[in-house]
Amino acid sequence: MNKLKKLAIFDLDGTLADTLEDLATAVNYGLIKLGYPIHHIDKYNNFVGNGIMKLCERALPAGKSESLQELYDIFNAFYKNHCMDKTKEYSGITELLRQLSRNNVDIAVATNKDQIFAQKIVSELFPYIKFLKVIGGCKERPKKPSPDIIYEIKGDREYSEIYMIGDSNVDIETAKNAGIKSIGCLWGFRTESELENAGADYIVSKPSEIKKIIV
């Protein structure tokens, strides 16, 4: 009888890749086009995590919700051509993914970032990594922390253990809602206290620690 595999599901922004500067640049570009004040990049640490529409909503000045769709459209047009300008993988991620694969662990990506951008970033940063699935946000499925994206990745496969790995409370809550284990990452956009308060099963400060937990 074959031993059941394990499944490691990674968030993208702030977990596999540092995308913050490109996200901030694209939103600020839209804000300038609309005549609104821009934000310092540090502000975007707390703006991201719930999809692009929510990112744009948080960046708009109070009382300017009528500009949300326009900002979203400007963002998409700009980000499509600039999503890889400054985006890079975090140190140690490729080696982690290779080690997990070598140890019979399936790896996947579950992000609230729109599917077209998620696929582009993952394929460019990790061209030699075999992912079970890369799934981004779409209108047909609720965003994390809904567990639906986890169920879609898992499908009818059976695993001995499933982990959701991410840098924010959204990822930890997604894991809880799906009934799986969670690993919080300290190199991303959010704080250790946020991960602790969300109830992360594990909190790690470098990618190599993830292999020790899962393998």
Protein backbone atom coordinates (compact mmCIF):
# COMPACT_ATOMS: atom_id res chain seq x y z
CA MET A 1 0.00 0.00 0.00
CA ASN A 2 1.42 3.37 -1.02
CA LYS A 3 2.00 5.90 1.72
CA LEU A 4 -0.19 8.99 1.39
CA LYS A 5 1.58 12.13 0.23
CA LYS A 6 1.52 15.50 1.96
CA LEU A 7 0.32 18.76 0.38
CA ALA A 8 1.89 22.18 0.95
CA ILE A 9 -0.23 25.10 -0.26
CA PHE A 10 1.54 28.44 -0.45
CA ASP A 11 0.22 31.97 -0.52
CA LEU A 12 2.00 34.06 -3.18
CA ASP A 13 2.37 37.73 -2.17
CA GLY A 14 4.56 38.04 0.91
CA THR A 15 5.20 34.29 1.05
CA LEU A 16 6.76 33.01 -2.15
CA ALA A 17 7.47 36.43 -3.68
CA ASP A 18 8.10 40.00 -2.62
CA THR A 19 5.56 41.76 -4.82
CA LEU A 20 4.90 44.81 -2.67
CA GLU A 21 6.76 47.46 -4.65
CA ASP A 22 5.11 46.55 -7.96
CA LEU A 23 1.67 46.45 -6.33
CA ALA A 24 2.23 49.82 -4.67
CA THR A 25 3.55 51.38 -7.87
CA ALA A 26 0.54 50.20 -9.87
CA VAL A 27 -2.00 51.48 -7.34
CA ASN A 28 -0.17 54.79 -6.89
CA TYR A 29 -0.11 55.20 -10.67
CA GLY A 30 -3.89 54.85 -10.70
CA LEU A 31 -4.31 57.26 -7.80
CA ILE A 32 -2.25 59.87 -9.61
CA LYS A 33 -4.31 59.40 -12.79
CA LEU A 34 -7.46 59.99 -10.75
CA GLY A 35 -6.03 63.01 -8.92
CA TYR A 36 -5.84 61.38 -5.49
CA PRO A 37 -2.95 61.32 -2.98
CA ILE A 38 -0.58 58.38 -3.18
CA HIS A 39 0.69 56.21 -0.31
CA HIS A 40 4.16 55.32 0.89
CA ILE A 41 5.06 51.72 0.11
CA ASP A 42 4.96 50.79 3.82
CA LYS A 43 1.23 51.49 3.87
CA TYR A 44 0.67 48.73 1.37
CA ASN A 45 1.77 46.07 3.84
CA ASN A 46 -1.71 46.26 5.34
CA PHE A 47 -3.58 47.05 2.11
CA VAL A 48 -2.77 43.74 0.41
CA GLY A 49 -4.10 40.27 1.18
CA ASN A 50 -7.74 40.25 0.11
CA GLY A 51 -7.48 40.63 -3.64
CA ILE A 52 -6.90 43.54 -6.00
CA MET A 53 -10.35 45.09 -5.69
CA LYS A 54 -9.96 45.27 -1.91
CA LEU A 55 -6.44 46.65 -2.35
CA CYS A 56 -7.80 49.46 -4.51
CA GLU A 57 -10.65 50.11 -2.09
CA ARG A 58 -8.23 50.50 0.83
CA ALA A 59 -5.98 52.84 -1.15
CA LEU A 60 -8.75 55.25 -2.13
CA PRO A 61 -9.44 58.30 0.05
CA ALA A 62 -12.45 58.01 2.34
CA GLY A 63 -15.70 58.74 0.57
CA LYS A 64 -14.36 58.10 -2.93
CA SER A 65 -15.83 54.64 -3.51
CA GLU A 66 -17.33 55.85 -6.80
CA SER A 67 -13.78 55.70 -8.23
CA LEU A 68 -13.19 52.09 -7.22
CA GLN A 69 -13.91 50.42 -10.55
CA GLU A 70 -11.89 53.01 -12.44
CA LEU A 71 -8.90 52.59 -10.16
CA TYR A 72 -9.19 48.80 -10.49
CA ASP A 73 -9.21 49.07 -14.30
CA ILE A 74 -6.20 51.42 -14.35
CA PHE A 75 -4.35 49.12 -11.97
CA ASN A 76 -4.96 46.06 -14.14
CA ALA A 77 -3.85 47.76 -17.35
CA PHE A 78 -0.65 49.02 -15.71
CA TYR A 79 0.17 45.95 -13.60
CA LYS A 80 -0.18 43.65 -16.59
CA ASN A 81 2.96 45.19 -18.06
CA HIS A 82 4.82 45.93 -14.82
CA CYS A 83 4.07 43.08 -12.39
CA MET A 84 7.62 41.75 -12.71
CA ASP A 85 9.55 45.05 -12.60
CA LYS A 86 10.73 44.66 -8.99
CA THR A 87 9.02 41.42 -7.95
CA LYS A 88 11.41 38.69 -6.81
CA GLU A 89 11.30 35.44 -4.92
CA TYR A 90 12.31 35.45 -1.28
CA SER A 91 15.71 33.95 -0.53
CA GLY A 92 15.57 30.21 -0.03
CA ILE A 93 12.16 29.63 -1.59
CA THR A 94 13.26 27.77 -4.72
CA GLU A 95 15.44 25.42 -2.66
CA LEU A 96 12.54 24.82 -0.26
CA LEU A 97 10.18 23.95 -3.10
CA ARG A 98 12.73 21.58 -4.62
CA GLN A 99 13.30 19.86 -1.28
CA LEU A 100 9.59 19.40 -0.70
CA SER A 101 9.14 17.93 -4.17
CA ARG A 102 12.06 15.56 -3.63
CA ASN A 103 10.40 14.38 -0.43
CA ASN A 104 7.11 13.42 -2.08
CA VAL A 105 5.24 16.57 -1.08
CA ASP A 106 2.80 18.09 -3.59
CA ILE A 107 3.07 21.88 -3.78
CA ALA A 108 0.43 24.37 -4.87
CA VAL A 109 -0.33 28.09 -4.78
CA ALA A 110 -3.53 29.62 -3.38
CA THR A 111 -3.70 33.40 -3.70
CA ASN A 112 -6.31 36.13 -3.80
CA LYS A 113 -4.31 37.81 -6.57
CA ASP A 114 -6.13 37.58 -9.92
CA GLN A 115 -5.40 34.32 -11.73
CA ILE A 116 -3.71 35.92 -14.75
CA PHE A 117 -1.15 37.70 -12.55
CA ALA A 118 -0.63 34.74 -10.23
CA GLN A 119 0.14 32.42 -13.12
CA LYS A 120 2.51 34.91 -14.75
CA ILE A 121 4.51 35.58 -11.59
CA VAL A 122 4.78 31.93 -10.57
CA SER A 123 5.79 30.77 -14.05
CA GLU A 124 8.47 33.46 -14.37
CA LEU A 125 9.93 33.09 -10.89
CA PHE A 126 9.75 29.31 -10.63
CA PRO A 127 9.95 27.92 -14.18
CA TYR A 128 11.49 24.62 -13.09
CA ILE A 129 9.16 23.88 -10.18
CA LYS A 130 6.25 21.54 -10.76
CA PHE A 131 3.15 22.85 -9.00
CA LEU A 132 0.09 20.70 -8.57
CA LYS A 133 -2.04 23.81 -9.14
CA VAL A 134 -1.65 27.58 -9.17
CA ILE A 135 -5.01 29.11 -8.32
CA GLY A 136 -5.74 32.82 -8.06
CA GLY A 137 -8.79 34.92 -7.34
CA CYS A 138 -11.82 34.88 -9.62
CA LYS A 139 -15.41 36.10 -9.56
CA GLU A 140 -16.82 32.57 -9.44
CA ARG A 141 -15.20 31.61 -6.12
CA PRO A 142 -15.08 33.51 -2.80
CA LYS A 143 -11.65 34.75 -1.79
CA LYS A 144 -9.60 33.52 1.14
CA PRO A 145 -10.28 33.11 4.06
CA SER A 146 -13.04 31.05 2.44
CA PRO A 147 -11.73 27.45 2.28
CA ASP A 148 -13.13 26.91 -1.22
CA ILE A 149 -9.75 27.49 -2.87
CA ILE A 150 -8.23 24.75 -0.68
CA TYR A 151 -10.96 22.30 -1.68
CA GLU A 152 -10.40 23.15 -5.34
CA ILE A 153 -6.69 22.45 -5.06
CA LYS A 154 -7.15 19.20 -3.15
CA GLY A 155 -9.90 17.85 -5.37
CA ASP A 156 -10.56 14.19 -4.65
CA ARG A 157 -6.95 13.43 -3.72
CA GLU A 158 -6.19 11.99 -0.30
CA TYR A 159 -3.30 13.37 1.74
CA SER A 160 -1.87 12.44 5.12
CA GLU A 161 -1.42 16.13 5.96
CA ILE A 162 -2.21 19.46 4.30
CA TYR A 163 -0.55 22.76 5.20
CA MET A 164 -1.50 26.34 4.31
CA ILE A 165 1.60 28.54 4.35
CA GLY A 166 1.31 32.32 4.32
CA ASP A 167 2.28 35.64 5.85
CA SER A 168 -1.08 37.00 7.03
CA ASN A 169 -4.10 36.30 9.20
CA VAL A 170 -6.03 35.65 5.98
CA ASP A 171 -3.92 32.55 5.33
CA ILE A 172 -4.18 31.30 8.91
CA GLU A 173 -7.96 31.78 8.90
CA THR A 174 -8.18 29.98 5.55
CA ALA A 175 -6.39 27.00 7.07
CA LYS A 176 -8.69 26.97 10.08
CA ASN A 177 -11.77 27.16 7.87
CA ALA A 178 -10.49 24.24 5.80
CA GLY A 179 -9.52 22.17 8.83
CA ILE A 180 -5.83 21.98 7.88
CA LYS A 181 -2.55 23.03 9.53
CA SER A 182 -1.11 26.52 9.12
CA ILE A 183 2.42 27.90 8.94
CA GLY A 184 2.94 31.64 9.32
CA CYS A 185 5.94 33.29 7.61
CA LEU A 186 7.73 36.24 9.20
CA TRP A 187 9.52 37.47 6.04
CA GLY A 188 6.29 38.73 4.45
CA PHE A 189 4.11 41.81 4.76
CA ARG A 190 2.50 41.27 8.17
CA THR A 191 3.64 40.95 11.78
CA GLU A 192 4.38 38.08 14.13
CA SER A 193 1.65 39.28 16.51
CA GLU A 194 -0.92 39.11 13.70
CA LEU A 195 0.04 35.50 12.97
CA GLU A 196 0.00 34.60 16.67
CA ASN A 197 -3.37 36.24 17.24
CA ALA A 198 -4.79 34.42 14.23
CA GLY A 199 -3.72 31.13 15.83
CA ALA A 200 -1.00 29.89 13.46
CA ASP A 201 0.04 26.31 14.25
CA TYR A 202 3.65 27.19 13.41
CA ILE A 203 5.53 30.44 12.83
CA VAL A 204 8.82 30.40 10.91
CA SER A 205 11.49 33.00 10.24
CA LYS A 206 13.13 31.35 7.22
CA PRO A 207 11.99 28.95 4.46
CA SER A 208 14.25 26.09 5.55
CA GLU A 209 12.18 25.77 8.75
CA ILE A 210 9.14 24.84 6.65
CA LYS A 211 10.88 21.73 5.35
CA LYS A 212 11.62 20.60 8.92
CA ILE A 213 7.94 20.95 9.84
CA ILE A 214 6.48 19.21 6.81
CA VAL A 215 9.13 16.57 6.07
